Amino acid sequence: GLTVETARNYSKKIYAKTGARGHAELVRIILTSVLAIS
């Protein structure tokens, strides 16, 4: 399974890649990119 530490490292990488400064901003970036693709 996915440990808490693995999930934490994974989310740190996502924040670094997207430049998001918080959860809400990260969600907005993901939704915006999904809408742009479809």
N, C-alpha and C. Protein backbone atom coordinates (compact mmCIF):
# COMPACT_ATOMS: atom_id res chain seq x y z
N GLY A 1 0.82 -1.20 0.00
CA GLY A 1 0.00 0.00 0.00
C GLY A 1 0.86 1.25 0.00
N LEU A 2 0.21 2.37 0.12
CA LEU A 2 0.86 3.67 0.10
C LEU A 2 1.04 4.15 1.54
N THR A 3 2.28 4.35 1.95
CA THR A 3 2.52 4.85 3.31
C THR A 3 2.33 6.36 3.34
N VAL A 4 2.15 6.88 4.54
CA VAL A 4 1.98 8.33 4.71
C VAL A 4 3.20 9.07 4.17
N GLU A 5 4.38 8.53 4.45
CA GLU A 5 5.63 9.16 4.00
C GLU A 5 5.72 9.20 2.48
N THR A 6 5.34 8.10 1.83
CA THR A 6 5.35 8.04 0.36
C THR A 6 4.39 9.08 -0.21
N ALA A 7 3.20 9.14 0.35
CA ALA A 7 2.19 10.10 -0.11
C ALA A 7 2.69 11.53 0.08
N ARG A 8 3.37 11.79 1.19
CA ARG A 8 3.90 13.12 1.47
C ARG A 8 4.97 13.51 0.46
N ASN A 9 5.87 12.58 0.18
CA ASN A 9 6.93 12.84 -0.81
C ASN A 9 6.33 13.07 -2.19
N TYR A 10 5.33 12.26 -2.53
CA TYR A 10 4.66 12.36 -3.82
C TYR A 10 4.00 13.73 -3.98
N SER A 11 3.29 14.16 -2.94
CA SER A 11 2.62 15.45 -3.03
C SER A 11 3.61 16.61 -3.07
N LYS A 12 4.74 16.48 -2.39
CA LYS A 12 5.78 17.53 -2.45
C LYS A 12 6.28 17.69 -3.88
N LYS A 13 6.48 16.57 -4.57
CA LYS A 13 6.94 16.61 -5.97
C LYS A 13 5.90 17.27 -6.86
N ILE A 14 4.63 16.95 -6.64
CA ILE A 14 3.55 17.54 -7.43
C ILE A 14 3.51 19.06 -7.21
N TYR A 15 3.58 19.50 -5.93
CA TYR A 15 3.59 20.94 -5.64
C TYR A 15 4.77 21.63 -6.31
N ALA A 16 5.94 20.99 -6.26
CA ALA A 16 7.13 21.57 -6.88
C ALA A 16 6.97 21.69 -8.39
N LYS A 17 6.41 20.66 -9.02
CA LYS A 17 6.22 20.66 -10.47
C LYS A 17 5.20 21.68 -10.92
N THR A 18 4.07 21.78 -10.21
CA THR A 18 3.00 22.67 -10.62
C THR A 18 3.19 24.10 -10.14
N GLY A 19 3.99 24.28 -9.10
CA GLY A 19 4.18 25.60 -8.52
C GLY A 19 3.02 26.02 -7.63
N ALA A 20 2.17 25.06 -7.27
CA ALA A 20 1.03 25.35 -6.41
C ALA A 20 1.51 25.66 -4.99
N ARG A 21 0.85 26.61 -4.35
CA ARG A 21 1.24 26.99 -2.99
C ARG A 21 0.30 26.42 -1.93
N GLY A 22 -0.74 25.74 -2.35
CA GLY A 22 -1.67 25.15 -1.39
C GLY A 22 -2.59 24.17 -2.07
N HIS A 23 -3.38 23.47 -1.27
CA HIS A 23 -4.26 22.42 -1.80
C HIS A 23 -5.27 22.99 -2.81
N ALA A 24 -5.90 24.10 -2.45
CA ALA A 24 -6.92 24.70 -3.33
C ALA A 24 -6.32 25.10 -4.67
N GLU A 25 -5.13 25.67 -4.64
CA GLU A 25 -4.47 26.07 -5.88
C GLU A 25 -4.10 24.86 -6.72
N LEU A 26 -3.65 23.79 -6.04
CA LEU A 26 -3.30 22.56 -6.74
C LEU A 26 -4.52 21.98 -7.45
N VAL A 27 -5.65 21.94 -6.75
CA VAL A 27 -6.90 21.44 -7.33
C VAL A 27 -7.29 22.29 -8.55
N ARG A 28 -7.17 23.61 -8.41
CA ARG A 28 -7.51 24.52 -9.52
C ARG A 28 -6.62 24.25 -10.74
N ILE A 29 -5.33 24.06 -10.52
CA ILE A 29 -4.39 23.77 -11.62
C ILE A 29 -4.77 22.46 -12.31
N ILE A 30 -5.07 21.43 -11.51
CA ILE A 30 -5.43 20.13 -12.08
C ILE A 30 -6.72 20.25 -12.89
N LEU A 31 -7.74 20.89 -12.33
CA LEU A 31 -9.02 21.03 -13.04
C LEU A 31 -8.85 21.84 -14.32
N THR A 32 -8.07 22.91 -14.26
CA THR A 32 -7.83 23.74 -15.43
C THR A 32 -7.14 22.95 -16.53
N SER A 33 -6.14 22.16 -16.16
CA SER A 33 -5.42 21.38 -17.18
C SER A 33 -6.28 20.26 -17.74
N VAL A 34 -7.13 19.66 -16.91
CA VAL A 34 -8.04 18.61 -17.39
C VAL A 34 -9.03 19.20 -18.39
N LEU A 35 -9.57 20.38 -18.07
CA LEU A 35 -10.52 21.04 -18.97
C LEU A 35 -9.84 21.46 -20.27
N ALA A 36 -8.58 21.85 -20.20
CA ALA A 36 -7.84 22.26 -21.40
C ALA A 36 -7.60 21.07 -22.33
N ILE A 37 -7.43 19.88 -21.75
CA ILE A 37 -7.17 18.67 -22.55
C ILE A 37 -8.44 18.21 -23.26
N SER A 38 -9.57 18.23 -22.55
CA SER A 38 -10.81 17.68 -23.12
C SER A 38 -11.49 18.60 -24.12
